[in-house]
């Protein structure tokens, strides 16, 4: 039972870190155009001027 007193805080800290990284990726617009990226990967054309 003493193990739970260590595992619960550790899991909450790791979950909080994961949540912070998720919020960071959402704020940095990494999920803006998932369909466009999928279509560009499958396309045979070269894109000489990709989006920044």
N, C-alpha and C. Protein backbone atom coordinates (compact mmCIF):
# COMPACT_ATOMS: atom_id res chain seq x y z
N UNK A 1 0.81 -1.19 0.00
CA UNK A 1 0.00 0.00 0.00
C UNK A 1 0.86 1.26 0.00
N UNK A 2 2.07 1.18 0.51
CA UNK A 2 2.96 2.33 0.50
C UNK A 2 3.39 2.71 -0.90
N UNK A 3 3.37 1.74 -1.80
CA UNK A 3 3.77 2.01 -3.19
C UNK A 3 2.81 3.01 -3.83
N UNK A 4 1.54 2.96 -3.48
CA UNK A 4 0.57 3.89 -4.06
C UNK A 4 0.87 5.33 -3.68
N UNK A 5 1.45 5.54 -2.52
CA UNK A 5 1.78 6.90 -2.12
C UNK A 5 2.90 7.49 -2.99
N UNK A 6 3.65 6.63 -3.67
CA UNK A 6 4.66 7.10 -4.62
C UNK A 6 4.12 7.14 -6.05
N UNK A 7 3.36 6.14 -6.43
CA UNK A 7 2.91 6.03 -7.81
C UNK A 7 1.86 7.06 -8.20
N UNK A 8 0.97 7.40 -7.31
CA UNK A 8 -0.08 8.36 -7.64
C UNK A 8 0.51 9.75 -7.91
N UNK A 9 1.37 10.30 -7.06
CA UNK A 9 1.95 11.61 -7.40
C UNK A 9 2.81 11.57 -8.67
N UNK A 10 3.56 10.49 -8.87
CA UNK A 10 4.38 10.39 -10.07
C UNK A 10 3.50 10.37 -11.31
N UNK A 11 2.40 9.63 -11.28
CA UNK A 11 1.52 9.58 -12.44
C UNK A 11 0.84 10.92 -12.69
N UNK A 12 0.49 11.64 -11.63
CA UNK A 12 -0.10 12.96 -11.80
C UNK A 12 0.90 13.96 -12.38
N UNK A 13 2.14 13.87 -11.95
CA UNK A 13 3.17 14.76 -12.49
C UNK A 13 3.41 14.46 -13.97
N UNK A 14 3.53 13.18 -14.34
CA UNK A 14 3.74 12.81 -15.73
C UNK A 14 2.54 13.19 -16.60
N UNK A 15 1.35 13.03 -16.08
CA UNK A 15 0.16 13.45 -16.81
C UNK A 15 0.13 14.96 -17.02
N UNK A 16 0.54 15.71 -16.00
CA UNK A 16 0.61 17.17 -16.12
C UNK A 16 1.64 17.61 -17.14
N UNK A 17 2.77 16.93 -17.17
CA UNK A 17 3.80 17.25 -18.17
C UNK A 17 3.27 16.97 -19.58
N UNK A 18 2.59 15.84 -19.74
CA UNK A 18 2.00 15.53 -21.04
C UNK A 18 0.97 16.56 -21.46
N UNK A 19 0.16 17.01 -20.52
CA UNK A 19 -0.84 18.04 -20.81
C UNK A 19 -0.18 19.35 -21.21
N UNK A 20 0.90 19.72 -20.53
CA UNK A 20 1.62 20.95 -20.87
C UNK A 20 2.21 20.87 -22.28
N UNK A 21 2.78 19.73 -22.64
CA UNK A 21 3.33 19.59 -23.99
C UNK A 21 2.22 19.63 -25.03
N UNK A 22 1.07 19.03 -24.73
CA UNK A 22 -0.05 19.09 -25.67
C UNK A 22 -0.52 20.52 -25.87
N UNK A 23 -0.66 21.27 -24.79
CA UNK A 23 -1.07 22.68 -24.89
C UNK A 23 -0.04 23.48 -25.69
N UNK A 24 1.25 23.20 -25.48
CA UNK A 24 2.30 23.87 -26.25
C UNK A 24 2.16 23.59 -27.74
N UNK A 25 1.90 22.34 -28.11
CA UNK A 25 1.78 22.02 -29.54
C UNK A 25 0.53 22.64 -30.15
N UNK A 26 -0.55 22.73 -29.40
CA UNK A 26 -1.76 23.37 -29.91
C UNK A 26 -1.52 24.86 -30.12
N UNK A 27 -0.85 25.51 -29.18
CA UNK A 27 -0.60 26.96 -29.29
C UNK A 27 0.41 27.29 -30.38
N UNK A 28 1.29 26.34 -30.73
CA UNK A 28 2.27 26.60 -31.78
C UNK A 28 1.75 26.16 -33.15
N UNK A 29 0.44 25.89 -33.24
CA UNK A 29 -0.25 25.61 -34.51
C UNK A 29 0.32 24.40 -35.26
N UNK A 30 0.64 23.34 -34.57
CA UNK A 30 1.16 22.16 -35.23
C UNK A 30 0.05 21.27 -35.77
N UNK A 31 -1.21 21.57 -35.48
CA UNK A 31 -2.32 20.74 -35.93
C UNK A 31 -3.21 21.50 -36.92
N UNK A 32 -2.67 22.48 -37.62
CA UNK A 32 -3.48 23.33 -38.47
C UNK A 32 -4.04 22.63 -39.71
N UNK A 33 -3.21 21.89 -40.43
CA UNK A 33 -3.62 21.37 -41.73
C UNK A 33 -3.26 19.89 -41.88
N UNK A 34 -3.88 19.00 -41.12
CA UNK A 34 -3.51 17.58 -41.23
C UNK A 34 -3.90 16.96 -42.57
N UNK A 35 -5.01 17.40 -43.18
CA UNK A 35 -5.42 16.84 -44.46
C UNK A 35 -4.48 17.26 -45.58
N UNK A 36 -4.05 18.50 -45.56
CA UNK A 36 -3.12 18.97 -46.58
C UNK A 36 -1.79 18.24 -46.53
N UNK A 37 -1.30 17.99 -45.33
CA UNK A 37 -0.05 17.25 -45.19
C UNK A 37 -0.19 15.83 -45.73
N UNK A 38 -1.30 15.20 -45.45
CA UNK A 38 -1.51 13.84 -45.93
C UNK A 38 -1.56 13.81 -47.46
N UNK A 39 -2.19 14.78 -48.07
CA UNK A 39 -2.26 14.82 -49.52
C UNK A 39 -0.90 15.12 -50.14
N UNK A 40 -0.11 15.97 -49.52
CA UNK A 40 1.22 16.30 -50.06
C UNK A 40 2.15 15.10 -49.98
N UNK A 41 2.03 14.28 -48.96
CA UNK A 41 2.89 13.10 -48.85
C UNK A 41 2.60 12.12 -49.97
N UNK A 42 1.34 11.96 -50.33
CA UNK A 42 0.95 11.01 -51.36
C UNK A 42 1.13 11.55 -52.77
N UNK A 43 1.32 12.84 -52.91
CA UNK A 43 1.46 13.46 -54.22
C UNK A 43 2.84 13.18 -54.80
N UNK A 44 2.89 13.03 -56.12
CA UNK A 44 4.16 12.79 -56.79
C UNK A 44 4.85 14.07 -57.21
N UNK A 45 4.21 15.20 -57.02
CA UNK A 45 4.79 16.47 -57.43
C UNK A 45 5.72 17.02 -56.35
N UNK A 46 6.78 17.69 -56.80
CA UNK A 46 7.72 18.30 -55.86
C UNK A 46 7.26 19.70 -55.53
N UNK A 47 7.35 20.06 -54.27
CA UNK A 47 7.00 21.39 -53.83
C UNK A 47 8.28 22.17 -53.55
N UNK A 48 8.64 23.06 -54.49
CA UNK A 48 9.89 23.79 -54.36
C UNK A 48 9.81 24.90 -53.32
N UNK A 49 8.60 25.33 -52.98
CA UNK A 49 8.40 26.40 -52.02
C UNK A 49 7.39 25.97 -50.96
N UNK A 50 7.80 25.10 -50.00
CA UNK A 50 6.86 24.66 -48.97
C UNK A 50 6.47 25.79 -48.03
N UNK A 51 5.33 25.58 -47.35
CA UNK A 51 4.88 26.58 -46.39
C UNK A 51 5.85 26.62 -45.21
N UNK A 52 6.09 27.83 -44.66
CA UNK A 52 7.00 27.91 -43.49
C UNK A 52 6.33 27.37 -42.24
